[in-house]
Amino acid sequence: MALTTEALGEIRRLLEGEVPAAERCANVRKSFPGLSLTRCDVSDMSSETPIFETPEFCVYLIDTSEHCVRITNDPAAATGLVVAQKR
């Protein structure tokens, strides 16, 4: 599932909401059912550069098209997200 600039903007908007973090992530899942979403702590992603940040999250794109999952900065290659919560 390639992500457009508009889709990334919508994901950002959903993650910047006022509801609890778990509900915001659930809203992203509901809005983008073909996109995988993994949540973790930001410390788990310390060696990676996020595609964007919100006040509470760093967001990374993943590509699962090959045998191993890899972080990508290419929205056209993205098949999922890692949403890393800041503490």
N, C-alpha and C. Protein backbone atom coordinates (compact mmCIF):
# COMPACT_ATOMS: atom_id res chain seq x y z
N MET A 1 0.85 -1.18 0.00
CA MET A 1 0.00 0.00 0.00
C MET A 1 0.88 1.24 0.00
N ALA A 2 0.95 1.91 -1.11
CA ALA A 2 1.71 3.15 -1.20
C ALA A 2 0.97 4.24 -0.44
N LEU A 3 1.72 5.10 0.20
CA LEU A 3 1.12 6.21 0.94
C LEU A 3 1.32 7.51 0.17
N THR A 4 0.27 8.27 0.07
CA THR A 4 0.34 9.58 -0.58
C THR A 4 0.65 10.64 0.47
N THR A 5 0.98 11.81 -0.02
CA THR A 5 1.20 12.95 0.87
C THR A 5 -0.06 13.23 1.68
N GLU A 6 -1.21 13.09 1.03
CA GLU A 6 -2.48 13.32 1.71
C GLU A 6 -2.71 12.28 2.81
N ALA A 7 -2.38 11.03 2.53
CA ALA A 7 -2.55 9.97 3.54
C ALA A 7 -1.63 10.22 4.74
N LEU A 8 -0.39 10.62 4.47
CA LEU A 8 0.52 10.93 5.59
C LEU A 8 0.00 12.10 6.41
N GLY A 9 -0.59 13.08 5.75
CA GLY A 9 -1.19 14.21 6.47
C GLY A 9 -2.36 13.77 7.33
N GLU A 10 -3.17 12.86 6.82
CA GLU A 10 -4.30 12.34 7.59
C GLU A 10 -3.81 11.52 8.78
N ILE A 11 -2.78 10.73 8.60
CA ILE A 11 -2.21 9.95 9.70
C ILE A 11 -1.70 10.89 10.78
N ARG A 12 -0.98 11.93 10.37
CA ARG A 12 -0.49 12.92 11.33
C ARG A 12 -1.66 13.54 12.10
N ARG A 13 -2.70 13.94 11.39
CA ARG A 13 -3.86 14.56 12.03
C ARG A 13 -4.49 13.62 13.05
N LEU A 14 -4.63 12.35 12.69
CA LEU A 14 -5.22 11.37 13.61
C LEU A 14 -4.35 11.17 14.85
N LEU A 15 -3.04 11.20 14.68
CA LEU A 15 -2.14 10.99 15.82
C LEU A 15 -1.99 12.22 16.70
N GLU A 16 -2.38 13.38 16.20
CA GLU A 16 -2.27 14.61 16.99
C GLU A 16 -3.55 14.92 17.76
N GLY A 17 -4.51 14.04 17.75
CA GLY A 17 -5.79 14.28 18.42
C GLY A 17 -5.67 14.39 19.93
N GLU A 18 -6.79 14.65 20.54
CA GLU A 18 -6.85 14.84 21.99
C GLU A 18 -7.21 13.58 22.77
N VAL A 19 -7.60 12.53 22.07
CA VAL A 19 -8.00 11.30 22.76
C VAL A 19 -6.75 10.53 23.21
N PRO A 20 -6.90 9.51 24.06
CA PRO A 20 -5.75 8.74 24.51
C PRO A 20 -4.96 8.14 23.33
N ALA A 21 -3.66 7.93 23.55
CA ALA A 21 -2.75 7.45 22.50
C ALA A 21 -3.24 6.16 21.87
N ALA A 22 -3.70 5.22 22.66
CA ALA A 22 -4.17 3.94 22.12
C ALA A 22 -5.35 4.14 21.18
N GLU A 23 -6.23 5.05 21.51
CA GLU A 23 -7.39 5.33 20.67
C GLU A 23 -6.97 6.00 19.37
N ARG A 24 -5.97 6.90 19.44
CA ARG A 24 -5.47 7.54 18.22
C ARG A 24 -4.89 6.51 17.26
N CYS A 25 -4.11 5.57 17.80
CA CYS A 25 -3.55 4.51 16.95
C CYS A 25 -4.66 3.64 16.37
N ALA A 26 -5.67 3.34 17.17
CA ALA A 26 -6.81 2.56 16.68
C ALA A 26 -7.52 3.30 15.56
N ASN A 27 -7.62 4.61 15.65
CA ASN A 27 -8.26 5.40 14.60
C ASN A 27 -7.45 5.36 13.31
N VAL A 28 -6.13 5.32 13.41
CA VAL A 28 -5.29 5.18 12.21
C VAL A 28 -5.55 3.81 11.59
N ARG A 29 -5.60 2.78 12.40
CA ARG A 29 -5.87 1.42 11.89
C ARG A 29 -7.22 1.36 11.18
N LYS A 30 -8.24 1.98 11.77
CA LYS A 30 -9.58 1.98 11.16
C LYS A 30 -9.59 2.75 9.84
N SER A 31 -8.86 3.85 9.79
CA SER A 31 -8.86 4.69 8.59
C SER A 31 -8.02 4.12 7.46
N PHE A 32 -7.04 3.27 7.81
CA PHE A 32 -6.13 2.69 6.82
C PHE A 32 -6.04 1.18 7.06
N PRO A 33 -7.11 0.44 6.76
CA PRO A 33 -7.17 -0.98 7.12
C PRO A 33 -6.12 -1.86 6.43
N GLY A 34 -5.58 -1.47 5.30
CA GLY A 34 -4.57 -2.28 4.62
C GLY A 34 -3.15 -1.99 5.06
N LEU A 35 -3.00 -1.08 5.99
CA LEU A 35 -1.68 -0.64 6.45
C LEU A 35 -1.39 -1.25 7.82
N SER A 36 -0.24 -1.90 7.96
CA SER A 36 0.10 -2.43 9.29
C SER A 36 0.59 -1.28 10.17
N LEU A 37 0.33 -1.38 11.45
CA LEU A 37 0.76 -0.37 12.41
C LEU A 37 1.31 -1.09 13.62
N THR A 38 2.55 -0.77 13.95
CA THR A 38 3.20 -1.32 15.13
C THR A 38 3.51 -0.18 16.07
N ARG A 39 3.17 -0.35 17.34
CA ARG A 39 3.47 0.65 18.35
C ARG A 39 4.64 0.19 19.20
N CYS A 40 5.50 1.13 19.55
CA CYS A 40 6.61 0.82 20.43
C CYS A 40 7.04 2.09 21.16
N ASP A 41 8.04 1.95 22.00
CA ASP A 41 8.63 3.10 22.69
C ASP A 41 9.67 3.73 21.77
N VAL A 42 9.81 5.02 21.83
CA VAL A 42 10.75 5.72 20.96
C VAL A 42 12.18 5.23 21.16
N SER A 43 12.51 4.74 22.32
CA SER A 43 13.87 4.23 22.57
C SER A 43 14.18 3.00 21.71
N ASP A 44 13.14 2.29 21.26
CA ASP A 44 13.34 1.13 20.40
C ASP A 44 13.77 1.52 18.99
N MET A 45 13.62 2.78 18.64
CA MET A 45 13.91 3.25 17.28
C MET A 45 15.04 4.28 17.27
N SER A 46 15.88 4.28 18.27
CA SER A 46 16.87 5.34 18.46
C SER A 46 17.85 5.50 17.31
N SER A 47 18.07 4.47 16.52
CA SER A 47 19.04 4.59 15.42
C SER A 47 18.38 4.93 14.08
N GLU A 48 17.07 5.18 14.09
CA GLU A 48 16.34 5.47 12.86
C GLU A 48 15.86 6.92 12.84
N THR A 49 15.57 7.42 11.65
CA THR A 49 15.06 8.78 11.48
C THR A 49 13.59 8.71 11.11
N PRO A 50 12.72 9.38 11.87
CA PRO A 50 11.29 9.31 11.58
C PRO A 50 10.94 10.06 10.30
N ILE A 51 9.85 9.64 9.68
CA ILE A 51 9.32 10.34 8.50
C ILE A 51 8.64 11.63 8.95
N PHE A 52 8.04 11.60 10.14
CA PHE A 52 7.53 12.83 10.77
C PHE A 52 7.34 12.58 12.26
N GLU A 53 7.19 13.68 12.99
CA GLU A 53 6.95 13.64 14.43
C GLU A 53 5.72 14.44 14.79
N THR A 54 5.07 14.01 15.84
CA THR A 54 4.00 14.78 16.47
C THR A 54 4.50 15.06 17.89
N PRO A 55 3.77 15.83 18.66
CA PRO A 55 4.23 16.07 20.03
C PRO A 55 4.42 14.79 20.85
N GLU A 56 3.67 13.73 20.55
CA GLU A 56 3.73 12.51 21.35
C GLU A 56 4.37 11.31 20.64
N PHE A 57 4.50 11.36 19.31
CA PHE A 57 4.97 10.21 18.55
C PHE A 57 6.05 10.57 17.54
N CYS A 58 6.91 9.60 17.25
CA CYS A 58 7.78 9.61 16.08
C CYS A 58 7.22 8.52 15.17
N VAL A 59 7.07 8.83 13.88
CA VAL A 59 6.45 7.89 12.95
C VAL A 59 7.46 7.49 11.88
N TYR A 60 7.56 6.19 11.66
CA TYR A 60 8.49 5.60 10.70
C TYR A 60 7.69 4.79 9.69
N LEU A 61 8.19 4.73 8.48
CA LEU A 61 7.56 3.91 7.44
C LEU A 61 8.33 2.60 7.34
N ILE A 62 7.59 1.51 7.11
CA ILE A 62 8.24 0.22 6.90
C ILE A 62 7.84 -0.35 5.55
N ASP A 63 8.73 -1.14 5.01
CA ASP A 63 8.52 -1.85 3.74
C ASP A 63 8.63 -3.33 4.05
N THR A 64 7.55 -4.06 3.83
CA THR A 64 7.53 -5.50 4.09
C THR A 64 7.42 -6.29 2.80
N SER A 65 7.77 -5.68 1.68
CA SER A 65 7.60 -6.34 0.38
C SER A 65 8.61 -7.45 0.13
N GLU A 66 9.71 -7.44 0.87
CA GLU A 66 10.71 -8.49 0.72
C GLU A 66 10.69 -9.39 1.96
N HIS A 67 11.63 -10.30 2.05
CA HIS A 67 11.67 -11.26 3.14
C HIS A 67 11.77 -10.58 4.51
N CYS A 68 12.62 -9.57 4.62
CA CYS A 68 12.83 -8.87 5.89
C CYS A 68 12.17 -7.49 5.87
N VAL A 69 11.64 -7.10 7.01
CA VAL A 69 11.07 -5.77 7.17
C VAL A 69 12.21 -4.77 7.24
N ARG A 70 12.01 -3.61 6.58
CA ARG A 70 13.03 -2.57 6.67
C ARG A 70 12.36 -1.21 6.78
N ILE A 71 13.06 -0.28 7.43
CA ILE A 71 12.60 1.10 7.50
C ILE A 71 12.85 1.75 6.15
N THR A 72 11.89 2.55 5.69
CA THR A 72 12.04 3.26 4.43
C THR A 72 11.61 4.70 4.60
N ASN A 73 12.15 5.57 3.78
CA ASN A 73 11.70 6.96 3.73
C ASN A 73 10.85 7.20 2.49
N ASP A 74 10.55 6.13 1.75
CA ASP A 74 9.82 6.22 0.50
C ASP A 74 8.35 5.86 0.73
N PRO A 75 7.46 6.84 0.77
CA PRO A 75 6.05 6.54 0.99
C PRO A 75 5.46 5.58 -0.06
N ALA A 76 5.99 5.60 -1.27
CA ALA A 76 5.49 4.71 -2.32
C ALA A 76 5.82 3.25 -2.03
N ALA A 77 6.86 2.99 -1.24
CA ALA A 77 7.26 1.63 -0.90
C ALA A 77 6.69 1.18 0.45
N ALA A 78 6.06 2.09 1.18
CA ALA A 78 5.61 1.78 2.53
C ALA A 78 4.43 0.81 2.53
N THR A 79 4.52 -0.18 3.40
CA THR A 79 3.42 -1.11 3.62
C THR A 79 2.91 -1.03 5.05
N GLY A 80 3.57 -0.21 5.86
CA GLY A 80 3.16 -0.08 7.25
C GLY A 80 3.85 1.06 7.95
N LEU A 81 3.49 1.20 9.22
CA LEU A 81 4.02 2.26 10.07
C LEU A 81 4.55 1.68 11.37
N VAL A 82 5.55 2.32 11.90
CA VAL A 82 5.93 2.13 13.29
C VAL A 82 5.63 3.46 13.97
N VAL A 83 4.81 3.41 15.00
CA VAL A 83 4.44 4.60 15.75
C VAL A 83 5.12 4.45 17.11
N ALA A 84 6.17 5.26 17.30
CA ALA A 84 6.97 5.18 18.52
C ALA A 84 6.57 6.30 19.47
N GLN A 85 6.10 5.92 20.63
CA GLN A 85 5.62 6.89 21.60
C GLN A 85 6.77 7.49 22.39
N LYS A 86 6.77 8.83 22.46
CA LYS A 86 7.77 9.55 23.25
C LYS A 86 7.37 9.47 24.71
N ARG A 87 8.33 9.44 25.59
CA ARG A 87 8.03 9.38 27.03
C ARG A 87 8.44 10.63 27.72
